[in-house]
Amino acid sequence: MELSPLTEAIRADLAIAAELGDEAVRDAADRLGRALESALRMRLLEALGQAAHELSAQLESGSVDVRVAGDAVELVVSGETAEPPAAASPADEAETARITLRLPEGLKQRAEQAAAGEGISTNAWLVRAVATALERRPSPSPRVGQRLRGFAQS
């Protein structure tokens, strides 16, 4: 499914409604439609994500994943359930937070390929990667009794 035809249809609906006004109203509607395009895309992706989550809950085994590549969105049914993050506690699973992650295109493609190779969504793969990285991270030790020696010049 491509998102552009959907966002264009909403912009066209807004333009039709703006035809009831004068040129200033039409111009404002056009600018508003362009400004809202990214928000519309995010809401559509959010709706698809919720639909995938609800469908996954209805499946006896397997899951429904949302895969995004550029403007194309796919709902993919996988035969095995995605494994939860390694150190997820019940409190972590009870609530989720949405963030926007900006990656260089090459890194994004590598993450998508790795996720596809494991048969899980890119989101599930990233969640697991972050959880794994945080597990391996040494806890900061107190710096009591440590001294800093050396020479500095400014």
C-alpha atoms as a PDB file:
ATOM      1  CA  MET A   1       0.000   0.000   0.000  1.00  0.00           C
ATOM      2  CA  GLU A   2       1.306   3.428  -0.895  1.00  0.00           C
ATOM      3  CA  LEU A   3       0.656   6.331   1.495  1.00  0.00           C
ATOM      4  CA  SER A   4       0.908   9.119  -1.102  1.00  0.00           C
ATOM      5  CA  PRO A   5      -2.477   8.424  -2.760  1.00  0.00           C
ATOM      6  CA  LEU A   6      -4.140   8.519   0.661  1.00  0.00           C
ATOM      7  CA  THR A   7      -2.555  11.805   1.713  1.00  0.00           C
ATOM      8  CA  GLU A   8      -3.264  13.296  -1.729  1.00  0.00           C
ATOM      9  CA  ALA A   9      -6.925  12.258  -1.437  1.00  0.00           C
ATOM     10  CA  ILE A  10      -7.210  14.019   1.920  1.00  0.00           C
ATOM     11  CA  ARG A  11      -5.583  17.145   0.465  1.00  0.00           C
ATOM     12  CA  ALA A  12      -8.020  16.992  -2.476  1.00  0.00           C
ATOM     13  CA  ASP A  13     -10.959  16.713  -0.045  1.00  0.00           C
ATOM     14  CA  LEU A  14      -9.655  19.782   1.774  1.00  0.00           C
ATOM     15  CA  ALA A  15      -9.343  21.657  -1.535  1.00  0.00           C
ATOM     16  CA  ILE A  16     -12.937  20.777  -2.467  1.00  0.00           C
ATOM     17  CA  ALA A  17     -14.157  22.092   0.875  1.00  0.00           C
ATOM     18  CA  ALA A  18     -12.106  25.260   0.332  1.00  0.00           C
ATOM     19  CA  GLU A  19     -13.892  25.920  -2.970  1.00  0.00           C
ATOM     20  CA  LEU A  20     -16.766  27.263  -0.882  1.00  0.00           C
ATOM     21  CA  GLY A  21     -14.598  30.264   0.046  1.00  0.00           C
ATOM     22  CA  ASP A  22     -12.658  32.905  -1.808  1.00  0.00           C
ATOM     23  CA  GLU A  23      -9.082  32.751  -3.155  1.00  0.00           C
ATOM     24  CA  ALA A  24      -7.603  33.425   0.299  1.00  0.00           C
ATOM     25  CA  VAL A  25      -9.478  30.431   1.746  1.00  0.00           C
ATOM     26  CA  ARG A  26      -8.320  28.194  -1.127  1.00  0.00           C
ATOM     27  CA  ASP A  27      -4.719  29.359  -0.665  1.00  0.00           C
ATOM     28  CA  ALA A  28      -4.912  28.745   3.089  1.00  0.00           C
ATOM     29  CA  ALA A  29      -6.375  25.266   2.511  1.00  0.00           C
ATOM     30  CA  ASP A  30      -3.567  24.427   0.080  1.00  0.00           C
ATOM     31  CA  ARG A  31      -0.885  25.541   2.548  1.00  0.00           C
ATOM     32  CA  LEU A  32      -2.625  23.709   5.386  1.00  0.00           C
ATOM     33  CA  GLY A  33      -2.808  20.522   3.299  1.00  0.00           C
ATOM     34  CA  ARG A  34       0.933  20.646   2.567  1.00  0.00           C
ATOM     35  CA  ALA A  35       1.739  21.391   6.210  1.00  0.00           C
ATOM     36  CA  LEU A  36      -0.393  18.498   7.469  1.00  0.00           C
ATOM     37  CA  GLU A  37       0.977  15.882   5.054  1.00  0.00           C
ATOM     38  CA  SER A  38       3.642  14.508   7.421  1.00  0.00           C
ATOM     39  CA  ALA A  39       1.165  14.417  10.313  1.00  0.00           C
ATOM     40  CA  LEU A  40      -1.307  12.548   8.107  1.00  0.00           C
ATOM     41  CA  ARG A  41       1.375   9.989   7.212  1.00  0.00           C
ATOM     42  CA  MET A  42       2.207   9.463  10.886  1.00  0.00           C
ATOM     43  CA  ARG A  43      -1.464   8.994  11.803  1.00  0.00           C
ATOM     44  CA  LEU A  44      -1.939   6.498   8.967  1.00  0.00           C
ATOM     45  CA  LEU A  45       1.114   4.546  10.114  1.00  0.00           C
ATOM     46  CA  GLU A  46      -0.166   4.701  13.685  1.00  0.00           C
ATOM     47  CA  ALA A  47      -3.539   3.290  12.583  1.00  0.00           C
ATOM     48  CA  LEU A  48      -1.820   0.507  10.641  1.00  0.00           C
ATOM     49  CA  GLY A  49       0.346  -0.288  13.659  1.00  0.00           C
ATOM     50  CA  GLN A  50      -2.698  -0.519  15.915  1.00  0.00           C
ATOM     51  CA  ALA A  51      -4.476  -2.721  13.379  1.00  0.00           C
ATOM     52  CA  ALA A  52      -1.444  -5.022  13.185  1.00  0.00           C
ATOM     53  CA  HIS A  53      -1.328  -5.215  16.984  1.00  0.00           C
ATOM     54  CA  GLU A  54      -5.028  -6.091  17.206  1.00  0.00           C
ATOM     55  CA  LEU A  55      -4.717  -8.711  14.463  1.00  0.00           C
ATOM     56  CA  SER A  56      -1.656 -10.239  16.148  1.00  0.00           C
ATOM     57  CA  ALA A  57      -3.634 -10.606  19.368  1.00  0.00           C
ATOM     58  CA  GLN A  58      -6.291 -12.588  17.466  1.00  0.00           C
ATOM     59  CA  LEU A  59      -3.810 -15.019  15.914  1.00  0.00           C
ATOM     60  CA  GLU A  60      -3.119 -18.276  17.744  1.00  0.00           C
ATOM     61  CA  SER A  61       0.508 -18.257  16.642  1.00  0.00           C
ATOM     62  CA  GLY A  62       2.395 -15.704  14.653  1.00  0.00           C
ATOM     63  CA  SER A  63       2.155 -11.983  14.378  1.00  0.00           C
ATOM     64  CA  VAL A  64       1.295  -9.210  11.974  1.00  0.00           C
ATOM     65  CA  ASP A  65       4.103  -6.745  11.329  1.00  0.00           C
ATOM     66  CA  VAL A  66       4.024  -3.347   9.658  1.00  0.00           C
ATOM     67  CA  ARG A  67       6.958  -2.890   7.280  1.00  0.00           C
ATOM     68  CA  VAL A  68       7.731   0.527   5.852  1.00  0.00           C
ATOM     69  CA  ALA A  69      10.057   1.142   2.929  1.00  0.00           C
ATOM     70  CA  GLY A  70       9.933   4.711   1.680  1.00  0.00           C
ATOM     71  CA  ASP A  71       6.303   5.425   0.820  1.00  0.00           C
ATOM     72  CA  ALA A  72       5.319   1.738   0.669  1.00  0.00           C
ATOM     73  CA  VAL A  73       3.726   0.069   3.678  1.00  0.00           C
ATOM     74  CA  GLU A  74       3.141  -3.667   4.046  1.00  0.00           C
ATOM     75  CA  LEU A  75       1.268  -5.714   6.614  1.00  0.00           C
ATOM     76  CA  VAL A  76       3.119  -9.028   6.863  1.00  0.00           C
ATOM     77  CA  VAL A  77       1.955 -12.116   8.729  1.00  0.00           C
ATOM     78  CA  SER A  78       4.816 -14.148  10.158  1.00  0.00           C
ATOM     79  CA  GLY A  79       4.436 -17.732  11.331  1.00  0.00           C
ATOM     80  CA  GLU A  80       6.366 -17.364  14.546  1.00  0.00           C
ATOM     81  CA  THR A  81       5.756 -14.830  17.238  1.00  0.00           C
ATOM     82  CA  ALA A  82       8.416 -12.199  17.605  1.00  0.00           C
ATOM     83  CA  GLU A  83      10.521 -12.842  20.663  1.00  0.00           C
ATOM     84  CA  PRO A  84      10.302 -10.174  23.341  1.00  0.00           C
ATOM     85  CA  PRO A  85      13.302  -8.040  24.219  1.00  0.00           C
ATOM     86  CA  ALA A  86      15.821 -10.018  26.241  1.00  0.00           C
ATOM     87  CA  ALA A  87      15.479  -8.167  29.536  1.00  0.00           C
ATOM     88  CA  ALA A  88      11.924  -6.869  29.300  1.00  0.00           C
ATOM     89  CA  SER A  89      10.318  -6.651  32.688  1.00  0.00           C
ATOM     90  CA  PRO A  90       6.522  -6.697  33.162  1.00  0.00           C
ATOM     91  CA  ALA A  91       6.617  -2.943  33.801  1.00  0.00           C
ATOM     92  CA  ASP A  92       8.409  -2.379  30.476  1.00  0.00           C
ATOM     93  CA  GLU A  93       5.839  -4.442  28.556  1.00  0.00           C
ATOM     94  CA  ALA A  94       2.823  -2.778  30.183  1.00  0.00           C
ATOM     95  CA  GLU A  95       3.528   0.624  28.653  1.00  0.00           C
ATOM     96  CA  THR A  96       5.129   1.597  25.381  1.00  0.00           C
ATOM     97  CA  ALA A  97       6.479   4.927  24.233  1.00  0.00           C
ATOM     98  CA  ARG A  98       6.648   6.195  20.685  1.00  0.00           C
ATOM     99  CA  ILE A  99       9.809   7.929  19.496  1.00  0.00           C
ATOM    100  CA  THR A 100      11.061   9.185  16.166  1.00  0.00           C
ATOM    101  CA  LEU A 101      14.464   7.781  15.279  1.00  0.00           C
ATOM    102  CA  ARG A 102      16.431   9.382  12.467  1.00  0.00           C
ATOM    103  CA  LEU A 103      18.967   7.016  10.888  1.00  0.00           C
ATOM    104  CA  PRO A 104      21.278   7.415   7.928  1.00  0.00           C
ATOM    105  CA  GLU A 105      19.655   5.648   4.950  1.00  0.00           C
ATOM    106  CA  GLY A 106      22.390   2.984   4.765  1.00  0.00           C
ATOM    107  CA  LEU A 107      22.017   2.081   8.447  1.00  0.00           C
ATOM    108  CA  LYS A 108      18.230   1.972   8.111  1.00  0.00           C
ATOM    109  CA  GLN A 109      18.488  -0.434   5.183  1.00  0.00           C
ATOM    110  CA  ARG A 110      20.897  -2.682   7.096  1.00  0.00           C
ATOM    111  CA  ALA A 111      18.518  -2.768  10.087  1.00  0.00           C
ATOM    112  CA  GLU A 112      15.559  -3.603   7.802  1.00  0.00           C
ATOM    113  CA  GLN A 113      17.556  -6.401   6.135  1.00  0.00           C
ATOM    114  CA  ALA A 114      18.592  -7.846   9.493  1.00  0.00           C
ATOM    115  CA  ALA A 115      14.991  -7.771  10.725  1.00  0.00           C
ATOM    116  CA  ALA A 116      13.685  -9.350   7.526  1.00  0.00           C
ATOM    117  CA  GLY A 117      16.358 -12.053   7.807  1.00  0.00           C
ATOM    118  CA  GLU A 118      15.048 -12.925  11.267  1.00  0.00           C
ATOM    119  CA  GLY A 119      11.408 -12.706  10.187  1.00  0.00           C
ATOM    120  CA  ILE A 120      10.505  -9.910  12.605  1.00  0.00           C
ATOM    121  CA  SER A 121       9.528  -6.272  12.153  1.00  0.00           C
ATOM    122  CA  THR A 122      12.165  -3.574  12.053  1.00  0.00           C
ATOM    123  CA  ASN A 123      10.641  -2.101  15.194  1.00  0.00           C
ATOM    124  CA  ALA A 124      10.913  -5.414  17.082  1.00  0.00           C
ATOM    125  CA  TRP A 125      14.500  -5.794  15.869  1.00  0.00           C
ATOM    126  CA  LEU A 126      15.417  -2.268  17.029  1.00  0.00           C
ATOM    127  CA  VAL A 127      13.757  -2.801  20.428  1.00  0.00           C
ATOM    128  CA  ARG A 128      15.762  -5.996  20.908  1.00  0.00           C
ATOM    129  CA  ALA A 129      18.999  -4.299  19.747  1.00  0.00           C
ATOM    130  CA  VAL A 130      18.539  -1.444  22.221  1.00  0.00           C
ATOM    131  CA  ALA A 131      17.688  -3.852  25.062  1.00  0.00           C
ATOM    132  CA  THR A 132      20.754  -5.976  24.261  1.00  0.00           C
ATOM    133  CA  ALA A 133      23.027  -2.930  24.094  1.00  0.00           C
ATOM    134  CA  LEU A 134      21.757  -1.717  27.459  1.00  0.00           C
ATOM    135  CA  GLU A 135      22.319  -5.131  29.050  1.00  0.00           C
ATOM    136  CA  ARG A 136      25.964  -5.200  27.948  1.00  0.00           C
ATOM    137  CA  ARG A 137      26.568  -1.674  29.156  1.00  0.00           C
ATOM    138  CA  PRO A 138      28.611  -1.657  32.371  1.00  0.00           C
ATOM    139  CA  SER A 139      26.987   0.167  35.229  1.00  0.00           C
ATOM    140  CA  PRO A 140      28.832   3.325  36.170  1.00  0.00           C
ATOM    141  CA  SER A 141      30.991   2.845  39.232  1.00  0.00           C
ATOM    142  CA  PRO A 142      31.289   5.572  41.803  1.00  0.00           C
ATOM    143  CA  ARG A 143      34.386   7.712  41.380  1.00  0.00           C
ATOM    144  CA  VAL A 144      35.151   7.863  45.066  1.00  0.00           C
ATOM    145  CA  GLY A 145      38.885   7.807  45.697  1.00  0.00           C
ATOM    146  CA  GLN A 146      39.883   8.139  42.047  1.00  0.00           C
ATOM    147  CA  ARG A 147      42.373  10.821  41.075  1.00  0.00           C
ATOM    148  CA  LEU A 148      43.009  12.542  37.819  1.00  0.00           C
ATOM    149  CA  ARG A 149      46.663  13.108  36.991  1.00  0.00           C
ATOM    150  CA  GLY A 150      48.266  14.701  34.008  1.00  0.00           C
ATOM    151  CA  PHE A 151      49.050  17.927  32.272  1.00  0.00           C
ATOM    152  CA  ALA A 152      46.561  20.240  30.564  1.00  0.00           C
ATOM    153  CA  GLN A 153      47.117  23.339  28.550  1.00  0.00           C
ATOM    154  CA  SER A 154      44.488  25.714  27.237  1.00  0.00           C
END
